[in-house]
């Protein structure tokens, strides 16, 4: 049997499973309105490479302030 055929199925599916879980996590965060620091960093590096990045704490604080500082933006 070849080396590729001797690997366990779990070894071949671990990376795709992690990728799927990362995407599911991103979708859930988007649906519930949670800020995504990883997406922010990716966006800043791709589109604004010369700008300084906020720390994760600063990013979360800014996102939550922007979300809850607008009157009438809550559903309940």
C-alpha atoms as a PDB file:
ATOM      1  CA  UNK A   1       0.000   0.000   0.000  1.00  0.00           C
ATOM      2  CA  UNK A   2       1.317   3.460  -0.820  1.00  0.00           C
ATOM      3  CA  UNK A   3       2.174   6.015   1.831  1.00  0.00           C
ATOM      4  CA  UNK A   4      -0.788   8.220   0.850  1.00  0.00           C
ATOM      5  CA  UNK A   5      -3.166   5.284   1.177  1.00  0.00           C
ATOM      6  CA  UNK A   6      -1.836   4.361   4.625  1.00  0.00           C
ATOM      7  CA  UNK A   7      -2.763   7.687   6.213  1.00  0.00           C
ATOM      8  CA  UNK A   8      -5.746   7.759   8.473  1.00  0.00           C
ATOM      9  CA  UNK A   9      -8.836   9.564   7.137  1.00  0.00           C
ATOM     10  CA  UNK A  10      -8.698  11.954  10.103  1.00  0.00           C
ATOM     11  CA  UNK A  11      -5.269  13.202   9.007  1.00  0.00           C
ATOM     12  CA  UNK A  12      -6.567  14.057   5.553  1.00  0.00           C
ATOM     13  CA  UNK A  13      -9.646  15.888   6.844  1.00  0.00           C
ATOM     14  CA  UNK A  14      -8.136  17.809   9.774  1.00  0.00           C
ATOM     15  CA  UNK A  15      -7.085  20.876   7.749  1.00  0.00           C
ATOM     16  CA  UNK A  16     -10.335  21.148   5.752  1.00  0.00           C
ATOM     17  CA  UNK A  17     -12.325  20.657   8.959  1.00  0.00           C
ATOM     18  CA  UNK A  18     -10.390  23.478  10.653  1.00  0.00           C
ATOM     19  CA  UNK A  19     -11.020  25.698   7.633  1.00  0.00           C
ATOM     20  CA  UNK A  20     -14.739  24.915   7.693  1.00  0.00           C
ATOM     21  CA  UNK A  21     -14.905  25.606  11.427  1.00  0.00           C
ATOM     22  CA  UNK A  22     -13.117  28.943  10.955  1.00  0.00           C
ATOM     23  CA  UNK A  23     -15.671  29.920   8.293  1.00  0.00           C
ATOM     24  CA  UNK A  24     -18.592  28.787  10.468  1.00  0.00           C
ATOM     25  CA  UNK A  25     -17.153  30.852  13.327  1.00  0.00           C
ATOM     26  CA  UNK A  26     -16.886  33.906  11.062  1.00  0.00           C
ATOM     27  CA  UNK A  27     -20.489  33.495   9.862  1.00  0.00           C
ATOM     28  CA  UNK A  28     -21.825  33.112  13.398  1.00  0.00           C
ATOM     29  CA  UNK A  29     -19.896  36.181  14.558  1.00  0.00           C
ATOM     30  CA  UNK A  30     -21.320  38.133  11.615  1.00  0.00           C
ATOM     31  CA  UNK A  31     -24.879  36.983  12.310  1.00  0.00           C
ATOM     32  CA  UNK A  32     -24.741  37.972  15.970  1.00  0.00           C
ATOM     33  CA  UNK A  33     -22.930  41.214  15.182  1.00  0.00           C
ATOM     34  CA  UNK A  34     -19.687  40.422  16.988  1.00  0.00           C
ATOM     35  CA  UNK A  35     -16.655  42.367  15.735  1.00  0.00           C
ATOM     36  CA  UNK A  36     -14.065  40.263  13.894  1.00  0.00           C
ATOM     37  CA  UNK A  37     -10.527  41.406  14.718  1.00  0.00           C
ATOM     38  CA  UNK A  38      -8.938  38.936  12.293  1.00  0.00           C
ATOM     39  CA  UNK A  39     -10.975  40.334   9.394  1.00  0.00           C
ATOM     40  CA  UNK A  40     -10.038  43.877  10.496  1.00  0.00           C
ATOM     41  CA  UNK A  41      -6.320  43.029  10.488  1.00  0.00           C
ATOM     42  CA  UNK A  42      -6.601  41.326   7.079  1.00  0.00           C
ATOM     43  CA  UNK A  43      -8.469  44.317   5.642  1.00  0.00           C
ATOM     44  CA  UNK A  44      -5.995  46.834   7.047  1.00  0.00           C
ATOM     45  CA  UNK A  45      -2.982  44.891   5.742  1.00  0.00           C
ATOM     46  CA  UNK A  46      -4.508  44.511   2.257  1.00  0.00           C
ATOM     47  CA  UNK A  47      -6.023  47.979   1.809  1.00  0.00           C
ATOM     48  CA  UNK A  48      -4.183  50.296   4.233  1.00  0.00           C
ATOM     49  CA  UNK A  49      -0.674  48.842   4.655  1.00  0.00           C
ATOM     50  CA  UNK A  50       0.847  52.081   5.966  1.00  0.00           C
ATOM     51  CA  UNK A  51      -1.700  52.639   8.744  1.00  0.00           C
ATOM     52  CA  UNK A  52      -1.126  51.583  12.329  1.00  0.00           C
ATOM     53  CA  UNK A  53      -3.327  48.758  13.602  1.00  0.00           C
ATOM     54  CA  UNK A  54      -5.442  49.059  16.715  1.00  0.00           C
ATOM     55  CA  UNK A  55      -4.799  46.509  19.412  1.00  0.00           C
ATOM     56  CA  UNK A  56      -7.533  43.891  19.773  1.00  0.00           C
ATOM     57  CA  UNK A  57      -8.803  45.611  22.914  1.00  0.00           C
ATOM     58  CA  UNK A  58      -8.883  49.020  21.224  1.00  0.00           C
ATOM     59  CA  UNK A  59     -10.655  47.510  18.208  1.00  0.00           C
ATOM     60  CA  UNK A  60     -13.329  45.838  20.333  1.00  0.00           C
ATOM     61  CA  UNK A  61     -13.844  48.985  22.400  1.00  0.00           C
ATOM     62  CA  UNK A  62     -14.220  51.117  19.264  1.00  0.00           C
ATOM     63  CA  UNK A  63     -16.647  48.647  17.665  1.00  0.00           C
ATOM     64  CA  UNK A  64     -18.834  48.369  20.755  1.00  0.00           C
ATOM     65  CA  UNK A  65     -18.846  52.142  21.268  1.00  0.00           C
ATOM     66  CA  UNK A  66     -19.883  52.683  17.642  1.00  0.00           C
ATOM     67  CA  UNK A  67     -22.596  50.044  17.911  1.00  0.00           C
ATOM     68  CA  UNK A  68     -24.218  51.236  21.127  1.00  0.00           C
ATOM     69  CA  UNK A  69     -23.647  55.000  20.967  1.00  0.00           C
ATOM     70  CA  UNK A  70     -26.275  55.559  18.255  1.00  0.00           C
ATOM     71  CA  UNK A  71     -29.741  56.144  19.768  1.00  0.00           C
ATOM     72  CA  UNK A  72     -32.472  54.034  18.243  1.00  0.00           C
ATOM     73  CA  UNK A  73     -30.082  51.430  16.853  1.00  0.00           C
ATOM     74  CA  UNK A  74     -31.256  48.703  19.244  1.00  0.00           C
ATOM     75  CA  UNK A  75     -34.144  46.406  18.502  1.00  0.00           C
ATOM     76  CA  UNK A  76     -35.238  45.988  22.142  1.00  0.00           C
END
